[in-house]
Amino acid sequence: QFVSFNDEWVVITPKGYYNASPNGAMNINVRLGDKVYSMDNYAEKFYRPDLVKLALAGKSLESFASMDDIKSAPNVSIVNTPIITDEEKVEITLNIEDTGGGIGDIRLYLNGSAVRTDNTRGLNLIRNDVITREYTIMLNKGENVIRAVVFNEENTMESNPVEHTITANIKTPETHNLYAVIIGINKYKNPNLSLSYAVADANLFEKSIKESTSDLFDN
């Protein structure tokens, strides 16, 4: 099935494997009981352009799992976490509720970049229970958007994301210093390992750093 949304599109096989334009999948929703998820929640396993290509060529995907077989992802919320801080790091507390599909990988993002990946393998979790996990995150000065997603036990579906914004009023140091350890070795105890340009490269690297960072650092 081919679905288009203005400049975005999605191609979906009967089993749920799909290919899509950069923002196409977010336009398709999947309903599980009374909960609605984006197609993107299934990307870890079902974003498979290679399988879509096979299906379009008439090949059978009978041996592959179907989206109908995937167990639901947990519910996740960020709790007991400040919205304003003067510190460079903060404790992020997640409440994770198993909805029947177990709990797998936990991922935290800061301003769109992944900063923490954790998993619950080895933990004796009780089905449909709620667990709490705490993580220390280094913040940037100003606004920080924390985003958390948690996968089901099989890591085949991720939860709906939850976001929390923290404003960090971090004091800027009076001076900014750059430290570098630059090592270049030409002569070795084993003469067969001796080099000709390592020291020259190290000296050039030092000079380049000084020239390119003179406007950025005090020392």
N, C-alpha and C. Protein backbone atom coordinates (compact mmCIF):
# COMPACT_ATOMS: atom_id res chain seq x y z
N GLN A 1 0.85 -1.19 0.00
CA GLN A 1 0.00 0.00 0.00
C GLN A 1 0.88 1.24 0.00
N PHE A 2 0.55 2.17 -0.90
CA PHE A 2 1.30 3.43 -0.99
C PHE A 2 0.40 4.56 -0.49
N VAL A 3 0.91 5.35 0.47
CA VAL A 3 0.15 6.47 1.02
C VAL A 3 1.01 7.72 0.90
N SER A 4 0.42 8.80 0.40
CA SER A 4 1.18 10.05 0.25
C SER A 4 0.52 11.17 1.04
N PHE A 5 1.36 12.07 1.55
CA PHE A 5 0.92 13.24 2.29
C PHE A 5 1.68 14.44 1.75
N ASN A 6 1.13 15.10 0.75
CA ASN A 6 1.82 16.22 0.12
C ASN A 6 3.20 15.76 -0.34
N ASP A 7 4.28 16.20 0.36
CA ASP A 7 5.64 15.85 -0.05
C ASP A 7 6.17 14.61 0.67
N GLU A 8 5.37 14.00 1.54
CA GLU A 8 5.80 12.83 2.28
C GLU A 8 5.04 11.60 1.80
N TRP A 9 5.63 10.41 2.03
CA TRP A 9 5.01 9.17 1.57
C TRP A 9 5.43 7.98 2.42
N VAL A 10 4.63 6.92 2.36
CA VAL A 10 4.92 5.67 3.05
C VAL A 10 4.50 4.51 2.15
N VAL A 11 5.32 3.47 2.08
CA VAL A 11 4.95 2.23 1.41
C VAL A 11 4.94 1.13 2.48
N ILE A 12 3.81 0.42 2.64
CA ILE A 12 3.65 -0.56 3.71
C ILE A 12 3.27 -1.91 3.12
N THR A 13 3.96 -2.96 3.57
CA THR A 13 3.60 -4.32 3.17
C THR A 13 2.47 -4.81 4.08
N PRO A 14 1.76 -5.87 3.72
CA PRO A 14 0.68 -6.39 4.57
C PRO A 14 1.14 -6.78 5.98
N LYS A 15 2.41 -7.14 6.15
CA LYS A 15 2.91 -7.50 7.48
C LYS A 15 3.37 -6.30 8.29
N GLY A 16 3.38 -5.11 7.66
CA GLY A 16 3.74 -3.91 8.39
C GLY A 16 5.13 -3.38 8.13
N TYR A 17 5.94 -4.07 7.35
CA TYR A 17 7.26 -3.55 7.00
C TYR A 17 7.08 -2.36 6.05
N TYR A 18 7.91 -1.34 6.25
CA TYR A 18 7.65 -0.13 5.48
C TYR A 18 8.93 0.58 5.06
N ASN A 19 8.76 1.41 4.05
CA ASN A 19 9.76 2.38 3.63
C ASN A 19 9.05 3.72 3.59
N ALA A 20 9.78 4.82 3.85
CA ALA A 20 9.11 6.11 3.95
C ALA A 20 10.08 7.24 3.68
N SER A 21 9.52 8.38 3.32
CA SER A 21 10.30 9.61 3.23
C SER A 21 10.67 10.04 4.66
N PRO A 22 11.55 11.03 4.83
CA PRO A 22 12.06 11.36 6.17
C PRO A 22 10.99 11.54 7.25
N ASN A 23 9.87 12.17 6.92
CA ASN A 23 8.82 12.40 7.93
C ASN A 23 7.52 11.70 7.58
N GLY A 24 7.59 10.75 6.65
CA GLY A 24 6.36 10.11 6.19
C GLY A 24 5.70 9.25 7.23
N ALA A 25 6.48 8.45 7.97
CA ALA A 25 5.89 7.47 8.89
C ALA A 25 5.14 8.12 10.04
N MET A 26 5.51 9.34 10.41
CA MET A 26 4.83 9.98 11.53
C MET A 26 3.38 10.35 11.17
N ASN A 27 3.02 10.27 9.89
CA ASN A 27 1.65 10.56 9.47
C ASN A 27 0.74 9.34 9.55
N ILE A 28 1.31 8.17 9.86
CA ILE A 28 0.52 6.94 9.96
C ILE A 28 0.43 6.52 11.42
N ASN A 29 -0.78 6.27 11.90
CA ASN A 29 -0.98 5.83 13.27
C ASN A 29 -1.34 4.35 13.31
N VAL A 30 -0.94 3.70 14.40
CA VAL A 30 -1.26 2.30 14.63
C VAL A 30 -2.01 2.22 15.96
N ARG A 31 -3.18 1.58 15.96
CA ARG A 31 -3.97 1.48 17.18
C ARG A 31 -3.81 0.10 17.80
N LEU A 32 -3.47 0.09 19.11
CA LEU A 32 -3.43 -1.14 19.88
C LEU A 32 -4.40 -0.98 21.04
N GLY A 33 -5.56 -1.62 20.95
CA GLY A 33 -6.57 -1.45 21.99
C GLY A 33 -7.04 -0.01 22.02
N ASP A 34 -6.90 0.64 23.17
CA ASP A 34 -7.30 2.04 23.29
C ASP A 34 -6.13 3.00 23.16
N LYS A 35 -4.96 2.50 22.75
CA LYS A 35 -3.78 3.35 22.62
C LYS A 35 -3.40 3.52 21.15
N VAL A 36 -2.93 4.70 20.82
CA VAL A 36 -2.53 5.02 19.46
C VAL A 36 -1.05 5.34 19.43
N TYR A 37 -0.33 4.74 18.48
CA TYR A 37 1.10 4.96 18.33
C TYR A 37 1.39 5.41 16.91
N SER A 38 2.52 6.06 16.74
CA SER A 38 2.98 6.41 15.40
C SER A 38 3.65 5.20 14.76
N MET A 39 3.63 5.15 13.45
CA MET A 39 4.35 4.10 12.73
C MET A 39 5.84 4.13 13.11
N ASP A 40 6.34 5.31 13.45
CA ASP A 40 7.75 5.45 13.84
C ASP A 40 8.09 4.62 15.07
N ASN A 41 7.10 4.34 15.91
CA ASN A 41 7.35 3.55 17.11
C ASN A 41 7.85 2.14 16.77
N TYR A 42 7.58 1.70 15.54
CA TYR A 42 7.95 0.36 15.10
C TYR A 42 9.21 0.36 14.23
N ALA A 43 9.85 1.52 14.12
CA ALA A 43 10.96 1.66 13.16
C ALA A 43 12.11 0.69 13.42
N GLU A 44 12.37 0.37 14.70
CA GLU A 44 13.52 -0.47 15.04
C GLU A 44 13.48 -1.80 14.29
N LYS A 45 12.27 -2.36 14.11
CA LYS A 45 12.16 -3.66 13.45
C LYS A 45 11.50 -3.56 12.08
N PHE A 46 10.58 -2.61 11.89
CA PHE A 46 9.74 -2.65 10.70
C PHE A 46 10.11 -1.61 9.63
N TYR A 47 11.03 -0.71 9.92
CA TYR A 47 11.53 0.15 8.85
C TYR A 47 12.55 -0.66 8.07
N ARG A 48 12.09 -1.30 7.01
CA ARG A 48 12.91 -2.23 6.24
C ARG A 48 12.72 -1.98 4.74
N PRO A 49 13.38 -0.96 4.20
CA PRO A 49 13.29 -0.72 2.75
C PRO A 49 13.68 -1.93 1.92
N ASP A 50 14.59 -2.77 2.45
CA ASP A 50 15.01 -3.94 1.70
C ASP A 50 13.88 -4.95 1.54
N LEU A 51 13.07 -5.13 2.60
CA LEU A 51 11.95 -6.06 2.52
C LEU A 51 10.82 -5.50 1.66
N VAL A 52 10.65 -4.19 1.71
CA VAL A 52 9.65 -3.56 0.85
C VAL A 52 10.02 -3.78 -0.62
N LYS A 53 11.30 -3.66 -0.90
CA LYS A 53 11.77 -3.89 -2.27
C LYS A 53 11.49 -5.32 -2.71
N LEU A 54 11.71 -6.29 -1.80
CA LEU A 54 11.42 -7.68 -2.12
C LEU A 54 9.94 -7.90 -2.37
N ALA A 55 9.10 -7.28 -1.51
CA ALA A 55 7.66 -7.44 -1.67
C ALA A 55 7.18 -6.85 -3.00
N LEU A 56 7.74 -5.70 -3.38
CA LEU A 56 7.36 -5.07 -4.65
C LEU A 56 7.80 -5.92 -5.84
N ALA A 57 8.84 -6.73 -5.61
CA ALA A 57 9.31 -7.62 -6.68
C ALA A 57 8.55 -8.94 -6.70
N GLY A 58 7.54 -9.06 -5.81
CA GLY A 58 6.71 -10.26 -5.81
C GLY A 58 7.22 -11.37 -4.92
N LYS A 59 8.24 -11.09 -4.09
CA LYS A 59 8.77 -12.12 -3.20
C LYS A 59 7.89 -12.26 -1.96
N SER A 60 7.86 -13.44 -1.38
CA SER A 60 7.04 -13.71 -0.21
C SER A 60 7.77 -13.31 1.07
N LEU A 61 7.04 -12.70 2.00
CA LEU A 61 7.58 -12.37 3.32
C LEU A 61 6.92 -13.23 4.39
N GLU A 62 6.45 -14.40 3.99
CA GLU A 62 5.70 -15.27 4.89
C GLU A 62 6.49 -15.66 6.13
N SER A 63 7.79 -15.81 6.00
CA SER A 63 8.61 -16.26 7.13
C SER A 63 8.94 -15.15 8.12
N PHE A 64 8.58 -13.92 7.78
CA PHE A 64 8.89 -12.79 8.66
C PHE A 64 7.73 -12.51 9.61
N ALA A 65 8.05 -11.98 10.79
CA ALA A 65 7.02 -11.65 11.78
C ALA A 65 6.11 -10.54 11.26
N SER A 66 4.92 -10.50 11.80
CA SER A 66 3.95 -9.47 11.42
C SER A 66 3.83 -8.44 12.53
N MET A 67 3.47 -7.21 12.18
CA MET A 67 3.27 -6.17 13.17
C MET A 67 2.19 -6.58 14.18
N ASP A 68 1.24 -7.42 13.75
CA ASP A 68 0.19 -7.89 14.66
C ASP A 68 0.75 -8.72 15.80
N ASP A 69 1.94 -9.29 15.61
CA ASP A 69 2.53 -10.17 16.62
C ASP A 69 3.34 -9.41 17.67
N ILE A 70 3.55 -8.13 17.45
CA ILE A 70 4.42 -7.35 18.33
C ILE A 70 3.70 -6.99 19.62
N LYS A 71 4.37 -7.23 20.74
CA LYS A 71 3.80 -6.89 22.05
C LYS A 71 3.98 -5.41 22.33
N SER A 72 3.07 -4.86 23.10
CA SER A 72 3.02 -3.42 23.32
C SER A 72 4.24 -2.92 24.08
N ALA A 73 4.58 -1.66 23.82
CA ALA A 73 5.69 -1.00 24.51
C ALA A 73 5.22 -0.46 25.85
N PRO A 74 6.15 -0.19 26.76
CA PRO A 74 5.77 0.34 28.08
C PRO A 74 5.27 1.79 27.97
N ASN A 75 4.66 2.24 29.06
CA ASN A 75 4.38 3.65 29.24
C ASN A 75 5.54 4.25 30.04
N VAL A 76 5.95 5.45 29.69
CA VAL A 76 7.07 6.08 30.40
C VAL A 76 6.71 7.52 30.75
N SER A 77 7.15 7.96 31.91
CA SER A 77 6.94 9.34 32.34
C SER A 77 8.19 9.82 33.07
N ILE A 78 8.44 11.12 33.00
CA ILE A 78 9.55 11.74 33.72
C ILE A 78 8.99 12.41 34.96
N VAL A 79 9.49 12.02 36.13
CA VAL A 79 8.95 12.52 37.40
C VAL A 79 10.08 13.05 38.28
N ASN A 80 9.67 13.85 39.28
CA ASN A 80 10.61 14.35 40.30
C ASN A 80 11.87 14.95 39.68
N THR A 81 11.69 15.65 38.57
CA THR A 81 12.82 16.26 37.85
C THR A 81 12.57 17.76 37.74
N PRO A 82 13.53 18.60 38.12
CA PRO A 82 13.29 20.05 38.12
C PRO A 82 13.12 20.61 36.72
N ILE A 83 12.52 21.79 36.65
CA ILE A 83 12.41 22.51 35.38
C ILE A 83 13.42 23.65 35.31
N ILE A 84 13.99 24.01 36.47
CA ILE A 84 15.02 25.05 36.53
C ILE A 84 16.11 24.58 37.49
N THR A 85 17.37 24.79 37.12
CA THR A 85 18.48 24.41 37.98
C THR A 85 19.66 25.34 37.75
N ASP A 86 20.51 25.45 38.77
CA ASP A 86 21.76 26.20 38.64
C ASP A 86 22.94 25.26 38.46
N GLU A 87 22.67 23.97 38.43
CA GLU A 87 23.73 22.97 38.35
C GLU A 87 24.01 22.55 36.91
N GLU A 88 25.22 22.01 36.69
CA GLU A 88 25.61 21.54 35.36
C GLU A 88 25.03 20.16 35.05
N LYS A 89 24.62 19.43 36.06
CA LYS A 89 24.04 18.10 35.84
C LYS A 89 22.79 17.95 36.68
N VAL A 90 21.95 17.03 36.26
CA VAL A 90 20.66 16.87 36.93
C VAL A 90 20.30 15.39 36.95
N GLU A 91 19.51 14.98 37.94
CA GLU A 91 19.02 13.61 38.05
C GLU A 91 17.67 13.52 37.31
N ILE A 92 17.62 12.65 36.32
CA ILE A 92 16.38 12.40 35.58
C ILE A 92 15.77 11.11 36.12
N THR A 93 14.52 11.18 36.56
CA THR A 93 13.83 10.01 37.10
C THR A 93 12.73 9.58 36.15
N LEU A 94 12.77 8.31 35.75
CA LEU A 94 11.76 7.75 34.86
C LEU A 94 10.90 6.75 35.60
N ASN A 95 9.60 6.85 35.43
CA ASN A 95 8.67 5.81 35.83
C ASN A 95 8.29 5.03 34.58
N ILE A 96 8.50 3.73 34.61
CA ILE A 96 8.26 2.90 33.43
C ILE A 96 7.23 1.83 33.80
N GLU A 97 6.12 1.82 33.09
CA GLU A 97 5.04 0.87 33.37
C GLU A 97 4.95 -0.17 32.27
N ASP A 98 5.12 -1.42 32.64
CA ASP A 98 4.98 -2.52 31.69
C ASP A 98 3.50 -2.66 31.32
N THR A 99 3.19 -2.69 30.03
CA THR A 99 1.81 -2.83 29.57
C THR A 99 1.53 -4.22 29.02
N GLY A 100 2.43 -5.16 29.30
CA GLY A 100 2.22 -6.53 28.85
C GLY A 100 3.30 -7.05 27.93
N GLY A 101 4.08 -6.14 27.34
CA GLY A 101 5.12 -6.55 26.41
C GLY A 101 6.50 -6.58 27.02
N GLY A 102 6.59 -6.36 28.34
CA GLY A 102 7.89 -6.34 28.99
C GLY A 102 8.60 -5.01 28.79
N ILE A 103 9.79 -4.91 29.37
CA ILE A 103 10.58 -3.67 29.30
C ILE A 103 11.97 -4.02 28.77
N GLY A 104 12.38 -3.32 27.74
CA GLY A 104 13.68 -3.57 27.12
C GLY A 104 14.61 -2.38 27.26
N ASP A 105 15.14 -1.91 26.14
CA ASP A 105 16.10 -0.81 26.15
C ASP A 105 15.44 0.50 26.56
N ILE A 106 16.22 1.32 27.26
CA ILE A 106 15.80 2.66 27.69
C ILE A 106 16.75 3.65 27.03
N ARG A 107 16.19 4.67 26.38
CA ARG A 107 17.04 5.65 25.70
C ARG A 107 16.66 7.07 26.11
N LEU A 108 17.69 7.85 26.41
CA LEU A 108 17.51 9.26 26.76
C LEU A 108 18.20 10.13 25.73
N TYR A 109 17.52 11.21 25.35
CA TYR A 109 18.06 12.15 24.37
C TYR A 109 18.10 13.54 24.99
N LEU A 110 19.14 14.29 24.68
CA LEU A 110 19.27 15.67 25.11
C LEU A 110 19.34 16.55 23.88
N ASN A 111 18.33 17.41 23.71
CA ASN A 111 18.26 18.30 22.54
C ASN A 111 18.46 17.53 21.23
N GLY A 112 17.86 16.34 21.17
CA GLY A 112 17.88 15.55 19.94
C GLY A 112 19.02 14.56 19.82
N SER A 113 20.03 14.64 20.70
CA SER A 113 21.17 13.73 20.63
C SER A 113 21.08 12.68 21.73
N ALA A 114 21.35 11.43 21.39
CA ALA A 114 21.30 10.35 22.36
C ALA A 114 22.42 10.53 23.39
N VAL A 115 22.08 10.52 24.68
CA VAL A 115 23.07 10.70 25.73
C VAL A 115 23.13 9.52 26.69
N ARG A 116 22.14 8.64 26.64
CA ARG A 116 22.14 7.50 27.54
C ARG A 116 21.35 6.35 26.93
N THR A 117 21.92 5.16 26.95
CA THR A 117 21.22 3.94 26.56
C THR A 117 21.40 2.93 27.68
N ASP A 118 20.31 2.36 28.13
CA ASP A 118 20.34 1.41 29.22
C ASP A 118 19.42 0.25 28.86
N ASN A 119 19.53 -0.85 29.55
CA ASN A 119 18.62 -1.96 29.32
C ASN A 119 18.31 -2.65 30.63
N THR A 120 17.24 -3.43 30.64
CA THR A 120 16.78 -4.09 31.85
C THR A 120 17.10 -5.58 31.84
N ARG A 121 17.97 -6.00 30.92
CA ARG A 121 18.33 -7.41 30.89
C ARG A 121 18.99 -7.81 32.20
N GLY A 122 18.62 -8.96 32.72
CA GLY A 122 19.17 -9.42 33.98
C GLY A 122 18.33 -9.05 35.19
N LEU A 123 17.36 -8.14 35.00
CA LEU A 123 16.48 -7.78 36.11
C LEU A 123 15.28 -8.70 36.13
N ASN A 124 14.87 -9.12 37.30
CA ASN A 124 13.68 -9.97 37.44
C ASN A 124 12.46 -9.08 37.58
N LEU A 125 11.93 -8.67 36.43
CA LEU A 125 10.79 -7.76 36.43
C LEU A 125 9.49 -8.53 36.49
N ILE A 126 8.51 -7.96 37.17
CA ILE A 126 7.18 -8.54 37.27
C ILE A 126 6.31 -7.94 36.18
N ARG A 127 5.58 -8.78 35.46
CA ARG A 127 4.73 -8.31 34.39
C ARG A 127 3.73 -7.26 34.90
N ASN A 128 3.52 -6.24 34.06
CA ASN A 128 2.56 -5.17 34.34
C ASN A 128 2.93 -4.38 35.60
N ASP A 129 4.21 -4.42 35.97
CA ASP A 129 4.67 -3.67 37.13
C ASP A 129 5.21 -2.31 36.68
N VAL A 130 5.50 -1.44 37.65
CA VAL A 130 6.09 -0.13 37.38
C VAL A 130 7.47 -0.10 38.03
N ILE A 131 8.48 0.28 37.25
CA ILE A 131 9.83 0.41 37.81
C ILE A 131 10.29 1.86 37.70
N THR A 132 11.25 2.23 38.52
CA THR A 132 11.82 3.57 38.52
C THR A 132 13.30 3.48 38.20
N ARG A 133 13.76 4.31 37.29
CA ARG A 133 15.18 4.36 36.94
C ARG A 133 15.64 5.81 37.02
N GLU A 134 16.86 6.02 37.54
CA GLU A 134 17.43 7.36 37.69
C GLU A 134 18.72 7.47 36.88
N TYR A 135 18.89 8.62 36.21
CA TYR A 135 20.07 8.85 35.38
C TYR A 135 20.58 10.26 35.61
N THR A 136 21.89 10.42 35.61
CA THR A 136 22.51 11.73 35.73
C THR A 136 22.87 12.23 34.34
N ILE A 137 22.38 13.42 34.00
CA ILE A 137 22.59 13.99 32.68
C ILE A 137 23.32 15.33 32.81
N MET A 138 24.38 15.51 32.02
CA MET A 138 25.06 16.80 31.96
C MET A 138 24.24 17.75 31.09
N LEU A 139 24.04 18.97 31.56
CA LEU A 139 23.20 19.94 30.87
C LEU A 139 24.02 20.98 30.13
N ASN A 140 23.41 21.61 29.15
CA ASN A 140 23.96 22.78 28.49
C ASN A 140 23.38 24.03 29.13
N LYS A 141 24.08 25.12 29.02
CA LYS A 141 23.55 26.36 29.54
C LYS A 141 22.31 26.76 28.73
N GLY A 142 21.26 27.15 29.43
CA GLY A 142 20.02 27.54 28.76
C GLY A 142 19.01 26.41 28.75
N GLU A 143 18.24 26.30 27.69
CA GLU A 143 17.15 25.33 27.61
C GLU A 143 17.66 23.95 27.20
N ASN A 144 17.23 22.95 27.92
CA ASN A 144 17.58 21.56 27.64
C ASN A 144 16.30 20.73 27.53
N VAL A 145 16.10 20.09 26.39
CA VAL A 145 14.92 19.25 26.19
C VAL A 145 15.34 17.79 26.36
N ILE A 146 14.83 17.17 27.42
CA ILE A 146 15.10 15.76 27.68
C ILE A 146 13.97 14.94 27.06
N ARG A 147 14.33 13.92 26.27
CA ARG A 147 13.34 13.05 25.64
C ARG A 147 13.67 11.61 26.01
N ALA A 148 12.65 10.86 26.41
CA ALA A 148 12.86 9.47 26.83
C ALA A 148 11.92 8.55 26.07
N VAL A 149 12.46 7.40 25.63
CA VAL A 149 11.65 6.34 25.04
C VAL A 149 12.12 5.02 25.64
N VAL A 150 11.19 4.07 25.75
CA VAL A 150 11.51 2.76 26.29
C VAL A 150 10.91 1.70 25.37
N PHE A 151 11.68 0.66 25.08
CA PHE A 151 11.24 -0.40 24.18
C PHE A 151 10.58 -1.53 24.96
N ASN A 152 9.81 -2.33 24.24
CA ASN A 152 9.30 -3.56 24.84
C ASN A 152 10.44 -4.54 25.04
N GLU A 153 10.16 -5.66 25.67
CA GLU A 153 11.21 -6.61 26.04
C GLU A 153 11.99 -7.12 24.84
N GLU A 154 11.32 -7.25 23.68
CA GLU A 154 11.97 -7.76 22.48
C GLU A 154 12.64 -6.66 21.67
N ASN A 155 12.55 -5.41 22.14
CA ASN A 155 13.10 -4.24 21.43
C ASN A 155 12.57 -4.14 20.00
N THR A 156 11.29 -4.47 19.83
CA THR A 156 10.67 -4.38 18.51
C THR A 156 9.72 -3.20 18.39
N MET A 157 9.40 -2.57 19.51
CA MET A 157 8.51 -1.41 19.49
C MET A 157 8.90 -0.48 20.62
N GLU A 158 8.92 0.82 20.33
CA GLU A 158 9.25 1.79 21.36
C GLU A 158 8.00 2.50 21.86
N SER A 159 8.10 3.02 23.07
CA SER A 159 6.98 3.74 23.67
C SER A 159 6.75 5.07 22.97
N ASN A 160 5.60 5.66 23.23
CA ASN A 160 5.42 7.04 22.84
C ASN A 160 6.41 7.87 23.64
N PRO A 161 7.10 8.81 23.01
CA PRO A 161 8.13 9.57 23.72
C PRO A 161 7.54 10.52 24.75
N VAL A 162 8.32 10.81 25.77
CA VAL A 162 7.94 11.81 26.75
C VAL A 162 9.07 12.82 26.84
N GLU A 163 8.72 14.10 26.95
CA GLU A 163 9.73 15.17 26.97
C GLU A 163 9.60 16.00 28.23
N HIS A 164 10.73 16.55 28.64
CA HIS A 164 10.78 17.41 29.83
C HIS A 164 11.83 18.49 29.56
N THR A 165 11.48 19.74 29.75
CA THR A 165 12.39 20.85 29.48
C THR A 165 12.96 21.40 30.79
N ILE A 166 14.29 21.54 30.81
CA ILE A 166 14.98 22.07 31.97
C ILE A 166 15.78 23.30 31.55
N THR A 167 15.61 24.38 32.27
CA THR A 167 16.42 25.58 32.03
C THR A 167 17.58 25.58 33.02
N ALA A 168 18.79 25.56 32.47
CA ALA A 168 19.99 25.50 33.31
C ALA A 168 20.66 26.87 33.36
N ASN A 169 20.63 27.48 34.52
CA ASN A 169 21.28 28.79 34.71
C ASN A 169 22.70 28.56 35.21
N ILE A 170 23.51 28.01 34.34
CA ILE A 170 24.88 27.66 34.70
C ILE A 170 25.76 28.90 34.62
N LYS A 171 26.53 29.14 35.68
CA LYS A 171 27.41 30.30 35.69
C LYS A 171 28.58 30.08 34.74
N THR A 172 28.86 31.08 33.93
CA THR A 172 29.97 30.99 33.00
C THR A 172 31.28 31.31 33.72
N PRO A 173 32.31 30.50 33.60
CA PRO A 173 33.59 30.79 34.27
C PRO A 173 34.18 32.10 33.76
N GLU A 174 34.95 32.76 34.65
CA GLU A 174 35.53 34.05 34.28
C GLU A 174 36.56 33.92 33.17
N THR A 175 37.27 32.81 33.17
CA THR A 175 38.25 32.59 32.11
C THR A 175 37.99 31.24 31.46
N HIS A 176 38.39 31.15 30.19
CA HIS A 176 38.23 29.91 29.44
C HIS A 176 39.62 29.44 29.00
N ASN A 177 40.00 28.27 29.46
CA ASN A 177 41.32 27.73 29.15
C ASN A 177 41.20 26.46 28.33
N LEU A 178 42.12 26.27 27.42
CA LEU A 178 42.18 25.05 26.62
C LEU A 178 43.48 24.32 26.93
N TYR A 179 43.36 23.05 27.26
CA TYR A 179 44.53 22.23 27.56
C TYR A 179 44.64 21.12 26.51
N ALA A 180 45.84 20.89 26.02
CA ALA A 180 46.05 19.82 25.04
C ALA A 180 47.36 19.11 25.34
N VAL A 181 47.34 17.80 25.24
CA VAL A 181 48.56 17.00 25.34
C VAL A 181 48.86 16.48 23.94
N ILE A 182 49.95 16.94 23.37
CA ILE A 182 50.28 16.62 21.98
C ILE A 182 51.61 15.85 21.98
N ILE A 183 51.58 14.67 21.45
CA ILE A 183 52.77 13.81 21.51
C ILE A 183 53.17 13.38 20.10
N GLY A 184 54.42 13.58 19.77
CA GLY A 184 54.96 13.09 18.51
C GLY A 184 56.31 12.45 18.76
N ILE A 185 56.47 11.23 18.40
CA ILE A 185 57.72 10.49 18.68
C ILE A 185 58.33 10.01 17.37
N ASN A 186 59.58 10.42 17.14
CA ASN A 186 60.30 9.95 15.95
C ASN A 186 61.19 8.74 16.25
N LYS A 187 61.89 8.79 17.37
CA LYS A 187 62.89 7.75 17.67
C LYS A 187 62.34 6.75 18.70
N TYR A 188 62.42 5.49 18.36
CA TYR A 188 61.96 4.42 19.23
C TYR A 188 63.12 3.50 19.61
N LYS A 189 62.95 2.77 20.70
CA LYS A 189 63.97 1.81 21.13
C LYS A 189 64.24 0.79 20.03
N ASN A 190 63.18 0.40 19.35
CA ASN A 190 63.33 -0.46 18.18
C ASN A 190 63.47 0.44 16.96
N PRO A 191 64.65 0.52 16.37
CA PRO A 191 64.87 1.44 15.24
C PRO A 191 63.97 1.16 14.04
N ASN A 192 63.44 -0.05 13.95
CA ASN A 192 62.55 -0.37 12.83
C ASN A 192 61.23 0.39 12.92
N LEU A 193 60.93 0.92 14.11
CA LEU A 193 59.68 1.67 14.31
C LEU A 193 59.87 3.17 14.19
N SER A 194 61.11 3.62 13.98
CA SER A 194 61.37 5.06 13.94
C SER A 194 60.64 5.73 12.79
N LEU A 195 60.24 6.99 13.05
CA LEU A 195 59.48 7.77 12.08
C LEU A 195 60.25 9.03 11.70
N SER A 196 59.76 9.70 10.68
CA SER A 196 60.44 10.91 10.20
C SER A 196 59.64 12.18 10.47
N TYR A 197 58.31 12.07 10.55
CA TYR A 197 57.50 13.29 10.57
C TYR A 197 56.60 13.44 11.81
N ALA A 198 56.66 12.50 12.76
CA ALA A 198 55.74 12.57 13.90
C ALA A 198 55.95 13.84 14.73
N VAL A 199 57.21 14.20 15.00
CA VAL A 199 57.48 15.40 15.79
C VAL A 199 57.05 16.65 15.03
N ALA A 200 57.34 16.68 13.75
CA ALA A 200 56.93 17.84 12.94
C ALA A 200 55.41 17.96 12.91
N ASP A 201 54.72 16.83 12.81
CA ASP A 201 53.26 16.86 12.81
C ASP A 201 52.72 17.38 14.14
N ALA A 202 53.34 16.95 15.25
CA ALA A 202 52.90 17.40 16.57
C ALA A 202 53.10 18.91 16.72
N ASN A 203 54.25 19.40 16.27
CA ASN A 203 54.52 20.84 16.34
C ASN A 203 53.53 21.63 15.48
N LEU A 204 53.22 21.11 14.32
CA LEU A 204 52.26 21.79 13.43
C LEU A 204 50.86 21.77 14.04
N PHE A 205 50.51 20.65 14.67
CA PHE A 205 49.20 20.54 15.30
C PHE A 205 49.07 21.55 16.44
N GLU A 206 50.14 21.70 17.24
CA GLU A 206 50.14 22.68 18.33
C GLU A 206 49.95 24.10 17.77
N LYS A 207 50.69 24.41 16.73
CA LYS A 207 50.59 25.73 16.12
C LYS A 207 49.18 25.98 15.57
N SER A 208 48.61 24.96 14.95
CA SER A 208 47.27 25.11 14.38
C SER A 208 46.22 25.35 15.46
N ILE A 209 46.35 24.62 16.57
CA ILE A 209 45.40 24.80 17.67
C ILE A 209 45.49 26.22 18.21
N LYS A 210 46.70 26.70 18.45
CA LYS A 210 46.88 28.04 18.99
C LYS A 210 46.28 29.11 18.07
N GLU A 211 46.51 28.94 16.78
CA GLU A 211 46.02 29.95 15.83
C GLU A 211 44.50 29.91 15.69
N SER A 212 43.93 28.70 15.66
CA SER A 212 42.49 28.60 15.40
C SER A 212 41.63 28.84 16.64
N THR A 213 42.24 28.81 17.85
CA THR A 213 41.45 28.99 19.06
C THR A 213 41.79 30.26 19.82
N SER A 214 42.62 31.10 19.25
CA SER A 214 43.05 32.31 19.96
C SER A 214 41.90 33.23 20.32
N ASP A 215 40.83 33.22 19.52
CA ASP A 215 39.67 34.08 19.79
C ASP A 215 38.65 33.41 20.68
N LEU A 216 38.86 32.13 21.00
CA LEU A 216 37.88 31.39 21.79
C LEU A 216 38.27 31.21 23.25
N PHE A 217 39.59 31.20 23.51
CA PHE A 217 40.06 30.91 24.87
C PHE A 217 40.98 32.02 25.35
N ASP A 218 40.99 32.23 26.68
CA ASP A 218 41.87 33.23 27.28
C ASP A 218 43.30 32.74 27.33
N ASN A 219 43.43 31.46 27.58
CA ASN A 219 44.78 30.88 27.71
C ASN A 219 44.83 29.57 26.95
